[in-house]
PDB file of all heavy atoms in Angstrom:
ATOM      1  N   GLY A   1       3.421   2.258  13.664  1.00  0.00           N
ATOM      2  CA  GLY A   1       3.587   2.735  14.990  1.00  0.00           C
ATOM      3  C   GLY A   1       4.019   1.612  15.887  1.00  0.00           C
ATOM      4  O   GLY A   1       5.003   1.672  16.672  1.00  0.00           O
ATOM      5  N   LEU A   2       3.458   0.406  15.817  1.00  0.00           N
ATOM      6  CA  LEU A   2       3.776  -0.745  16.604  1.00  0.00           C
ATOM      7  C   LEU A   2       5.258  -1.135  16.202  1.00  0.00           C
ATOM      8  O   LEU A   2       6.109  -1.434  17.159  1.00  0.00           O
ATOM      9  CB  LEU A   2       2.972  -1.919  16.175  1.00  0.00           C
ATOM     10  CG  LEU A   2       3.262  -3.254  16.792  1.00  0.00           C
ATOM     11  CD1 LEU A   2       3.031  -3.330  18.233  1.00  0.00           C
ATOM     12  CD2 LEU A   2       2.358  -4.410  16.226  1.00  0.00           C
ATOM     13  N   THR A   3       5.638  -1.067  14.892  1.00  0.00           N
ATOM     14  CA  THR A   3       6.932  -1.398  14.485  1.00  0.00           C
ATOM     15  C   THR A   3       8.056  -0.571  15.144  1.00  0.00           C
ATOM     16  O   THR A   3       9.081  -1.024  15.696  1.00  0.00           O
ATOM     17  CB  THR A   3       7.164  -1.346  12.994  1.00  0.00           C
ATOM     18  OG1 THR A   3       6.219  -2.277  12.361  1.00  0.00           O
ATOM     19  CG2 THR A   3       8.488  -1.613  12.614  1.00  0.00           C
ATOM     20  N   ARG A   4       7.754   0.844  15.016  1.00  0.00           N
ATOM     21  CA  ARG A   4       8.610   1.711  15.697  1.00  0.00           C
ATOM     22  C   ARG A   4       8.831   1.546  17.222  1.00  0.00           C
ATOM     23  O   ARG A   4       9.923   1.726  17.608  1.00  0.00           O
ATOM     24  CB  ARG A   4       8.237   3.132  15.248  1.00  0.00           C
ATOM     25  CG  ARG A   4       8.598   3.364  13.764  1.00  0.00           C
ATOM     26  CD  ARG A   4       7.792   4.691  13.263  1.00  0.00           C
ATOM     27  NE  ARG A   4       8.159   4.936  11.791  1.00  0.00           N
ATOM     28  CZ  ARG A   4       7.493   5.774  11.105  1.00  0.00           C
ATOM     29  NH1 ARG A   4       6.410   6.351  11.615  1.00  0.00           N
ATOM     30  NH2 ARG A   4       7.836   5.964   9.906  1.00  0.00           N
ATOM     31  N   ALA A   5       7.667   1.369  17.823  1.00  0.00           N
ATOM     32  CA  ALA A   5       7.772   1.297  19.320  1.00  0.00           C
ATOM     33  C   ALA A   5       8.519   0.081  19.802  1.00  0.00           C
ATOM     34  O   ALA A   5       9.381   0.089  20.748  1.00  0.00           O
ATOM     35  CB  ALA A   5       6.288   1.234  19.791  1.00  0.00           C
ATOM     36  N   ILE A   6       8.190  -1.181  19.060  1.00  0.00           N
ATOM     37  CA  ILE A   6       8.971  -2.310  19.395  1.00  0.00           C
ATOM     38  C   ILE A   6      10.423  -2.038  19.108  1.00  0.00           C
ATOM     39  O   ILE A   6      11.367  -2.539  19.948  1.00  0.00           O
ATOM     40  CB  ILE A   6       8.469  -3.512  18.637  1.00  0.00           C
ATOM     41  CG1 ILE A   6       6.986  -3.819  19.152  1.00  0.00           C
ATOM     42  CG2 ILE A   6       9.350  -4.782  18.884  1.00  0.00           C
ATOM     43  CD1 ILE A   6       6.931  -4.279  20.583  1.00  0.00           C
ATOM     44  N   ALA A   7      10.789  -1.438  18.067  1.00  0.00           N
ATOM     45  CA  ALA A   7      12.223  -1.323  17.616  1.00  0.00           C
ATOM     46  C   ALA A   7      12.969  -0.485  18.753  1.00  0.00           C
ATOM     47  O   ALA A   7      14.128  -0.836  18.999  1.00  0.00           O
ATOM     48  CB  ALA A   7      12.199  -0.546  16.223  1.00  0.00           C
ATOM     49  N   LEU A   8      12.306   0.622  19.194  1.00  0.00           N
ATOM     50  CA  LEU A   8      12.925   1.391  20.228  1.00  0.00           C
ATOM     51  C   LEU A   8      13.210   0.615  21.557  1.00  0.00           C
ATOM     52  O   LEU A   8      14.175   0.699  22.162  1.00  0.00           O
ATOM     53  CB  LEU A   8      12.192   2.665  20.653  1.00  0.00           C
ATOM     54  CG  LEU A   8      12.127   3.724  19.550  1.00  0.00           C
ATOM     55  CD1 LEU A   8      11.372   4.794  19.926  1.00  0.00           C
ATOM     56  CD2 LEU A   8      13.593   4.170  19.171  1.00  0.00           C
ATOM     57  N   GLU A   9      12.197  -0.262  21.951  1.00  0.00           N
ATOM     58  CA  GLU A   9      12.323  -1.044  23.105  1.00  0.00           C
ATOM     59  C   GLU A   9      13.315  -2.134  23.049  1.00  0.00           C
ATOM     60  O   GLU A   9      13.870  -2.529  24.186  1.00  0.00           O
ATOM     61  CB  GLU A   9      10.935  -1.589  23.496  1.00  0.00           C
ATOM     62  CG  GLU A   9       9.878  -0.543  23.880  1.00  0.00           C
ATOM     63  CD  GLU A   9       8.621  -1.250  24.473  1.00  0.00           C
ATOM     64  OE1 GLU A   9       8.565  -2.377  24.725  1.00  0.00           O
ATOM     65  OE2 GLU A   9       7.565  -0.485  24.415  1.00  0.00           O
ATOM     66  N   THR A  10      13.548  -2.601  21.756  1.00  0.00           N
ATOM     67  CA  THR A  10      14.570  -3.634  21.689  1.00  0.00           C
ATOM     68  C   THR A  10      15.947  -3.289  21.119  1.00  0.00           C
ATOM     69  O   THR A  10      16.747  -4.103  20.724  1.00  0.00           O
ATOM     70  CB  THR A  10      13.925  -4.805  20.841  1.00  0.00           C
ATOM     71  OG1 THR A  10      13.554  -4.203  19.568  1.00  0.00           O
ATOM     72  CG2 THR A  10      12.715  -5.379  21.408  1.00  0.00           C
ATOM     73  N   ALA A  11      16.100  -2.010  21.002  1.00  0.00           N
ATOM     74  CA  ALA A  11      17.334  -1.505  20.354  1.00  0.00           C
ATOM     75  C   ALA A  11      18.685  -1.973  20.898  1.00  0.00           C
ATOM     76  O   ALA A  11      19.718  -2.016  20.090  1.00  0.00           O
ATOM     77  CB  ALA A  11      17.355   0.009  20.212  1.00  0.00           C
ATOM     78  N   ARG A  12      18.685  -2.336  22.137  1.00  0.00           N
ATOM     79  CA  ARG A  12      20.035  -2.816  22.768  1.00  0.00           C
ATOM     80  C   ARG A  12      19.979  -4.183  23.090  1.00  0.00           C
ATOM     81  O   ARG A  12      20.829  -4.782  23.886  1.00  0.00           O
ATOM     82  CB  ARG A  12      20.318  -1.906  23.956  1.00  0.00           C
ATOM     83  CG  ARG A  12      20.513  -0.425  23.651  1.00  0.00           C
ATOM     84  CD  ARG A  12      20.956   0.258  24.884  1.00  0.00           C
ATOM     85  NE  ARG A  12      21.136   1.689  24.615  1.00  0.00           N
ATOM     86  CZ  ARG A  12      21.656   2.563  25.446  1.00  0.00           C
ATOM     87  NH1 ARG A  12      22.047   2.223  26.658  1.00  0.00           N
ATOM     88  NH2 ARG A  12      21.795   3.766  25.221  1.00  0.00           N
ATOM     89  N   THR A  13      19.175  -5.048  22.410  1.00  0.00           N
ATOM     90  CA  THR A  13      18.916  -6.390  22.780  1.00  0.00           C
ATOM     91  C   THR A  13      19.449  -7.503  21.725  1.00  0.00           C
ATOM     92  O   THR A  13      19.393  -8.654  21.982  1.00  0.00           O
ATOM     93  CB  THR A  13      17.396  -6.698  23.011  1.00  0.00           C
ATOM     94  OG1 THR A  13      16.810  -6.537  21.758  1.00  0.00           O
ATOM     95  CG2 THR A  13      16.978  -5.801  24.192  1.00  0.00           C
ATOM     96  N   GLY A  14      19.857  -6.954  20.532  1.00  0.00           N
ATOM     97  CA  GLY A  14      20.081  -7.913  19.434  1.00  0.00           C
ATOM     98  C   GLY A  14      18.946  -8.235  18.629  1.00  0.00           C
ATOM     99  O   GLY A  14      19.022  -9.134  17.617  1.00  0.00           O
ATOM    100  N   ILE A  15      17.764  -7.598  18.941  1.00  0.00           N
ATOM    101  CA  ILE A  15      16.623  -7.844  18.171  1.00  0.00           C
ATOM    102  C   ILE A  15      16.241  -6.640  17.398  1.00  0.00           C
ATOM    103  O   ILE A  15      16.490  -5.533  17.750  1.00  0.00           O
ATOM    104  CB  ILE A  15      15.378  -8.020  19.208  1.00  0.00           C
ATOM    105  CG1 ILE A  15      15.616  -9.250  20.137  1.00  0.00           C
ATOM    106  CG2 ILE A  15      14.021  -8.122  18.474  1.00  0.00           C
ATOM    107  CD1 ILE A  15      14.780  -9.241  21.355  1.00  0.00           C
ATOM    108  N   THR A  16      15.895  -6.868  16.078  1.00  0.00           N
ATOM    109  CA  THR A  16      15.412  -5.840  15.287  1.00  0.00           C
ATOM    110  C   THR A  16      13.866  -5.939  14.951  1.00  0.00           C
ATOM    111  O   THR A  16      13.424  -7.079  14.896  1.00  0.00           O
ATOM    112  CB  THR A  16      16.147  -5.704  13.922  1.00  0.00           C
ATOM    113  OG1 THR A  16      15.886  -6.879  13.168  1.00  0.00           O
ATOM    114  CG2 THR A  16      17.599  -5.566  14.221  1.00  0.00           C
ATOM    115  N   CYS A  17      13.212  -4.922  14.610  1.00  0.00           N
ATOM    116  CA  CYS A  17      11.825  -4.835  14.315  1.00  0.00           C
ATOM    117  C   CYS A  17      11.580  -3.879  13.115  1.00  0.00           C
ATOM    118  O   CYS A  17      11.863  -2.746  13.300  1.00  0.00           O
ATOM    119  CB  CYS A  17      10.930  -4.538  15.451  1.00  0.00           C
ATOM    120  SG  CYS A  17       9.159  -4.584  14.941  1.00  0.00           S
ATOM    121  N   ASN A  18      11.279  -4.413  11.899  1.00  0.00           N
ATOM    122  CA  ASN A  18      11.048  -3.595  10.816  1.00  0.00           C
ATOM    123  C   ASN A  18       9.757  -3.949  10.137  1.00  0.00           C
ATOM    124  O   ASN A  18       9.031  -5.040  10.367  1.00  0.00           O
ATOM    125  CB  ASN A  18      12.321  -3.800   9.786  1.00  0.00           C
ATOM    126  CG  ASN A  18      13.543  -3.375  10.375  1.00  0.00           C
ATOM    127  OD1 ASN A  18      13.752  -2.111  10.700  1.00  0.00           O
ATOM    128  ND2 ASN A  18      14.538  -4.195  10.570  1.00  0.00           N
ATOM    129  N   ALA A  19       9.358  -3.070   9.194  1.00  0.00           N
ATOM    130  CA  ALA A  19       8.085  -3.178   8.376  1.00  0.00           C
ATOM    131  C   ALA A  19       8.540  -3.280   6.939  1.00  0.00           C
ATOM    132  O   ALA A  19       9.322  -2.467   6.344  1.00  0.00           O
ATOM    133  CB  ALA A  19       7.133  -2.155   8.680  1.00  0.00           C
ATOM    134  N   LEU A  20       7.861  -4.185   6.145  1.00  0.00           N
ATOM    135  CA  LEU A  20       8.036  -4.215   4.716  1.00  0.00           C
ATOM    136  C   LEU A  20       6.760  -3.717   4.204  1.00  0.00           C
ATOM    137  O   LEU A  20       5.607  -3.890   4.560  1.00  0.00           O
ATOM    138  CB  LEU A  20       8.179  -5.714   4.239  1.00  0.00           C
ATOM    139  CG  LEU A  20       9.492  -6.296   4.711  1.00  0.00           C
ATOM    140  CD1 LEU A  20       9.495  -7.862   4.307  1.00  0.00           C
ATOM    141  CD2 LEU A  20      10.634  -5.781   4.030  1.00  0.00           C
ATOM    142  N   SER A  21       6.912  -2.832   3.056  1.00  0.00           N
ATOM    143  CA  SER A  21       5.640  -2.096   2.590  1.00  0.00           C
ATOM    144  C   SER A  21       5.673  -2.342   1.120  1.00  0.00           C
ATOM    145  O   SER A  21       6.076  -1.582   0.210  1.00  0.00           O
ATOM    146  CB  SER A  21       5.794  -0.639   2.896  1.00  0.00           C
ATOM    147  OG  SER A  21       4.710   0.151   2.421  1.00  0.00           O
ATOM    148  N   PRO A  22       4.971  -3.389   0.691  1.00  0.00           N
ATOM    149  CA  PRO A  22       4.894  -3.847  -0.745  1.00  0.00           C
ATOM    150  C   PRO A  22       3.874  -2.982  -1.437  1.00  0.00           C
ATOM    151  O   PRO A  22       2.824  -2.620  -0.868  1.00  0.00           O
ATOM    152  CB  PRO A  22       4.568  -5.279  -0.827  1.00  0.00           C
ATOM    153  CG  PRO A  22       4.623  -5.755   0.589  1.00  0.00           C
ATOM    154  CD  PRO A  22       4.497  -4.605   1.538  1.00  0.00           C
ATOM    155  N   GLY A  23       4.120  -2.853  -2.741  1.00  0.00           N
ATOM    156  CA  GLY A  23       3.112  -2.249  -3.532  1.00  0.00           C
ATOM    157  C   GLY A  23       2.100  -3.371  -4.105  1.00  0.00           C
ATOM    158  O   GLY A  23       1.881  -4.286  -3.331  1.00  0.00           O
ATOM    159  N   THR A  24       1.787  -3.374  -5.306  1.00  0.00           N
ATOM    160  CA  THR A  24       0.811  -4.255  -5.898  1.00  0.00           C
ATOM    161  C   THR A  24       1.555  -5.492  -6.235  1.00  0.00           C
ATOM    162  O   THR A  24       2.318  -5.492  -7.228  1.00  0.00           O
ATOM    163  CB  THR A  24       0.067  -3.624  -7.046  1.00  0.00           C
ATOM    164  OG1 THR A  24      -0.618  -2.426  -6.711  1.00  0.00           O
ATOM    165  CG2 THR A  24      -1.014  -4.569  -7.708  1.00  0.00           C
ATOM    166  N   VAL A  25       1.268  -6.533  -5.608  1.00  0.00           N
ATOM    167  CA  VAL A  25       1.839  -7.943  -5.854  1.00  0.00           C
ATOM    168  C   VAL A  25       0.701  -8.699  -6.598  1.00  0.00           C
ATOM    169  O   VAL A  25      -0.474  -8.472  -6.230  1.00  0.00           O
ATOM    170  CB  VAL A  25       2.241  -8.567  -4.526  1.00  0.00           C
ATOM    171  CG1 VAL A  25       2.673  -9.944  -4.776  1.00  0.00           C
ATOM    172  CG2 VAL A  25       3.213  -7.785  -3.816  1.00  0.00           C
ATOM    173  N   PRO A  26       0.923  -9.554  -7.511  1.00  0.00           N
ATOM    174  CA  PRO A  26      -0.058 -10.243  -8.298  1.00  0.00           C
ATOM    175  C   PRO A  26      -0.626 -11.475  -7.542  1.00  0.00           C
ATOM    176  O   PRO A  26      -0.472 -12.613  -7.972  1.00  0.00           O
ATOM    177  CB  PRO A  26       0.637 -10.765  -9.671  1.00  0.00           C
ATOM    178  CG  PRO A  26       2.104 -10.883  -9.155  1.00  0.00           C
ATOM    179  CD  PRO A  26       2.264  -9.788  -8.137  1.00  0.00           C
ATOM    180  N   THR A  27      -1.377 -11.109  -6.395  1.00  0.00           N
ATOM    181  CA  THR A  27      -1.978 -12.109  -5.668  1.00  0.00           C
ATOM    182  C   THR A  27      -3.245 -12.600  -6.280  1.00  0.00           C
ATOM    183  O   THR A  27      -3.728 -11.870  -7.309  1.00  0.00           O
ATOM    184  CB  THR A  27      -2.328 -11.457  -4.270  1.00  0.00           C
ATOM    185  OG1 THR A  27      -3.218 -10.412  -4.415  1.00  0.00           O
ATOM    186  CG2 THR A  27      -1.104 -11.059  -3.507  1.00  0.00           C
ATOM    187  N   PRO A  28      -3.999 -13.645  -5.944  1.00  0.00           N
ATOM    188  CA  PRO A  28      -5.048 -14.042  -6.655  1.00  0.00           C
ATOM    189  C   PRO A  28      -6.332 -12.999  -6.512  1.00  0.00           C
ATOM    190  O   PRO A  28      -7.064 -12.800  -7.397  1.00  0.00           O
ATOM    191  CB  PRO A  28      -5.505 -15.301  -5.684  1.00  0.00           C
ATOM    192  CG  PRO A  28      -4.244 -15.853  -5.337  1.00  0.00           C
ATOM    193  CD  PRO A  28      -3.294 -14.720  -4.982  1.00  0.00           C
ATOM    194  N   ALA A  29      -6.316 -12.236  -5.307  1.00  0.00           N
ATOM    195  CA  ALA A  29      -7.304 -11.081  -5.245  1.00  0.00           C
ATOM    196  C   ALA A  29      -7.125 -10.138  -6.236  1.00  0.00           C
ATOM    197  O   ALA A  29      -8.056  -9.600  -6.826  1.00  0.00           O
ATOM    198  CB  ALA A  29      -7.305 -10.674  -3.737  1.00  0.00           C
ATOM    199  N   ILE A  30      -5.915  -9.707  -6.443  1.00  0.00           N
ATOM    200  CA  ILE A  30      -5.588  -8.685  -7.374  1.00  0.00           C
ATOM    201  C   ILE A  30      -5.865  -9.131  -8.888  1.00  0.00           C
ATOM    202  O   ILE A  30      -6.389  -8.315  -9.704  1.00  0.00           O
ATOM    203  CB  ILE A  30      -4.129  -8.158  -7.327  1.00  0.00           C
ATOM    204  CG1 ILE A  30      -3.858  -7.386  -6.041  1.00  0.00           C
ATOM    205  CG2 ILE A  30      -3.684  -7.332  -8.564  1.00  0.00           C
ATOM    206  CD1 ILE A  30      -4.590  -6.058  -6.029  1.00  0.00           C
ATOM    207  N   LEU A  31      -5.436 -10.272  -9.112  1.00  0.00           N
ATOM    208  CA  LEU A  31      -5.698 -10.904 -10.471  1.00  0.00           C
ATOM    209  C   LEU A  31      -7.268 -11.012 -10.824  1.00  0.00           C
ATOM    210  O   LEU A  31      -7.654 -10.691 -11.968  1.00  0.00           O
ATOM    211  CB  LEU A  31      -4.965 -12.215 -10.711  1.00  0.00           C
ATOM    212  CG  LEU A  31      -3.420 -12.212 -10.575  1.00  0.00           C
ATOM    213  CD1 LEU A  31      -2.923 -13.608 -10.650  1.00  0.00           C
ATOM    214  CD2 LEU A  31      -2.846 -11.289 -11.519  1.00  0.00           C
ATOM    215  N   THR A  32      -7.922 -11.298  -9.867  1.00  0.00           N
ATOM    216  CA  THR A  32      -9.367 -11.422  -9.965  1.00  0.00           C
ATOM    217  C   THR A  32     -10.038  -9.977 -10.064  1.00  0.00           C
ATOM    218  O   THR A  32     -10.840  -9.807 -11.058  1.00  0.00           O
ATOM    219  CB  THR A  32     -10.031 -12.049  -8.734  1.00  0.00           C
ATOM    220  OG1 THR A  32      -9.612 -13.382  -8.647  1.00  0.00           O
ATOM    221  CG2 THR A  32     -11.583 -12.048  -8.839  1.00  0.00           C
ATOM    222  N   LYS A  33      -9.408  -9.035  -9.409  1.00  0.00           N
ATOM    223  CA  LYS A  33      -9.872  -7.606  -9.647  1.00  0.00           C
ATOM    224  C   LYS A  33      -9.591  -7.159 -11.001  1.00  0.00           C
ATOM    225  O   LYS A  33     -10.470  -6.487 -11.685  1.00  0.00           O
ATOM    226  CB  LYS A  33      -9.238  -6.794  -8.514  1.00  0.00           C
ATOM    227  CG  LYS A  33      -9.673  -5.297  -8.647  1.00  0.00           C
ATOM    228  CD  LYS A  33      -9.000  -4.648  -7.475  1.00  0.00           C
ATOM    229  CE  LYS A  33      -9.551  -3.149  -7.382  1.00  0.00           C
ATOM    230  NZ  LYS A  33      -8.982  -2.319  -6.254  1.00  0.00           N
ATOM    231  N   ILE A  34      -8.332  -7.505 -11.678  1.00  0.00           N
ATOM    232  CA  ILE A  34      -7.993  -7.021 -12.910  1.00  0.00           C
ATOM    233  C   ILE A  34      -8.832  -7.728 -13.883  1.00  0.00           C
ATOM    234  O   ILE A  34      -9.473  -7.131 -14.961  1.00  0.00           O
ATOM    235  CB  ILE A  34      -6.515  -7.442 -13.212  1.00  0.00           C
ATOM    236  CG1 ILE A  34      -5.553  -6.748 -12.376  1.00  0.00           C
ATOM    237  CG2 ILE A  34      -6.239  -7.220 -14.671  1.00  0.00           C
ATOM    238  CD1 ILE A  34      -5.524  -5.192 -12.528  1.00  0.00           C
ATOM    239  N   GLU A  35      -9.192  -9.004 -13.757  1.00  0.00           N
ATOM    240  CA  GLU A  35     -10.146  -9.697 -14.624  1.00  0.00           C
ATOM    241  C   GLU A  35     -11.589  -9.003 -14.624  1.00  0.00           C
ATOM    242  O   GLU A  35     -12.189  -8.914 -15.737  1.00  0.00           O
ATOM    243  CB  GLU A  35     -10.378 -11.078 -14.156  1.00  0.00           C
ATOM    244  CG  GLU A  35      -9.177 -12.014 -14.472  1.00  0.00           C
ATOM    245  CD  GLU A  35      -9.231 -13.366 -13.837  1.00  0.00           C
ATOM    246  OE1 GLU A  35     -10.284 -13.593 -13.313  1.00  0.00           O
ATOM    247  OE2 GLU A  35      -8.200 -14.185 -13.843  1.00  0.00           O
ATOM    248  N   GLY A  36     -11.886  -8.514 -13.433  1.00  0.00           N
ATOM    249  CA  GLY A  36     -13.178  -7.866 -13.430  1.00  0.00           C
ATOM    250  C   GLY A  36     -13.188  -6.593 -14.152  1.00  0.00           C
ATOM    251  O   GLY A  36     -14.158  -6.186 -14.862  1.00  0.00           O
ATOM    252  N   ILE A  37     -12.110  -5.749 -14.103  1.00  0.00           N
ATOM    253  CA  ILE A  37     -11.984  -4.598 -14.689  1.00  0.00           C
ATOM    254  C   ILE A  37     -12.092  -4.724 -16.159  1.00  0.00           C
ATOM    255  O   ILE A  37     -12.550  -3.939 -16.964  1.00  0.00           O
ATOM    256  CB  ILE A  37     -10.612  -3.865 -14.301  1.00  0.00           C
ATOM    257  CG1 ILE A  37     -10.815  -3.380 -12.797  1.00  0.00           C
ATOM    258  CG2 ILE A  37     -10.377  -2.560 -15.240  1.00  0.00           C
ATOM    259  CD1 ILE A  37      -9.483  -2.897 -12.181  1.00  0.00           C
ATOM    260  N   ALA A  38     -11.195  -5.740 -16.657  1.00  0.00           N
ATOM    261  CA  ALA A  38     -11.141  -6.112 -18.069  1.00  0.00           C
ATOM    262  C   ALA A  38     -12.627  -6.357 -18.586  1.00  0.00           C
ATOM    263  O   ALA A  38     -12.976  -5.941 -19.738  1.00  0.00           O
ATOM    264  CB  ALA A  38     -10.129  -7.280 -18.363  1.00  0.00           C
ATOM    265  N   ALA A  39     -13.314  -7.197 -17.975  1.00  0.00           N
ATOM    266  CA  ALA A  39     -14.627  -7.585 -18.368  1.00  0.00           C
ATOM    267  C   ALA A  39     -15.626  -6.344 -18.371  1.00  0.00           C
ATOM    268  O   ALA A  39     -16.364  -6.238 -19.335  1.00  0.00           O
ATOM    269  CB  ALA A  39     -15.219  -8.627 -17.407  1.00  0.00           C
ATOM    270  N   ALA A  40     -15.570  -5.463 -17.363  1.00  0.00           N
ATOM    271  CA  ALA A  40     -16.322  -4.319 -17.321  1.00  0.00           C
ATOM    272  C   ALA A  40     -16.048  -3.286 -18.444  1.00  0.00           C
ATOM    273  O   ALA A  40     -16.938  -2.646 -18.975  1.00  0.00           O
ATOM    274  CB  ALA A  40     -16.258  -3.660 -15.906  1.00  0.00           C
ATOM    275  N   LYS A  41     -14.783  -3.229 -18.792  1.00  0.00           N
ATOM    276  CA  LYS A  41     -14.361  -2.224 -19.908  1.00  0.00           C
ATOM    277  C   LYS A  41     -14.281  -2.952 -21.298  1.00  0.00           C
ATOM    278  O   LYS A  41     -13.833  -2.220 -22.186  1.00  0.00           O
ATOM    279  CB  LYS A  41     -13.094  -1.661 -19.423  1.00  0.00           C
ATOM    280  CG  LYS A  41     -13.214  -0.720 -18.215  1.00  0.00           C
ATOM    281  CD  LYS A  41     -11.965   0.038 -17.854  1.00  0.00           C
ATOM    282  CE  LYS A  41     -12.219   0.985 -16.690  1.00  0.00           C
ATOM    283  NZ  LYS A  41     -11.072   1.761 -16.343  1.00  0.00           N
ATOM    284  N   ALA A  42     -14.537  -4.239 -21.314  1.00  0.00           N
ATOM    285  CA  ALA A  42     -14.372  -5.052 -22.666  1.00  0.00           C
ATOM    286  C   ALA A  42     -13.045  -4.819 -23.251  1.00  0.00           C
ATOM    287  O   ALA A  42     -12.944  -4.519 -24.453  1.00  0.00           O
ATOM    288  CB  ALA A  42     -15.569  -4.514 -23.555  1.00  0.00           C
ATOM    289  N   THR A  43     -12.040  -5.011 -22.386  1.00  0.00           N
ATOM    290  CA  THR A  43     -10.646  -4.863 -22.860  1.00  0.00           C
ATOM    291  C   THR A  43      -9.901  -6.106 -22.572  1.00  0.00           C
ATOM    292  O   THR A  43     -10.370  -7.042 -21.757  1.00  0.00           O
ATOM    293  CB  THR A  43      -9.951  -3.580 -22.135  1.00  0.00           C
ATOM    294  OG1 THR A  43      -8.780  -3.411 -22.854  1.00  0.00           O
ATOM    295  CG2 THR A  43      -9.832  -3.753 -20.759  1.00  0.00           C
TER     296      THR A  43
END
């Protein structure tokens, strides 16, 4: 909502406002989570 509101307010100014929506990136937190799942399921 913030992205869309700013985009409308700046639409004629040479400024753009957009949002990036990534899925699962192999960040340290995700990799640690996977390690925990593997250990819990002995896989």
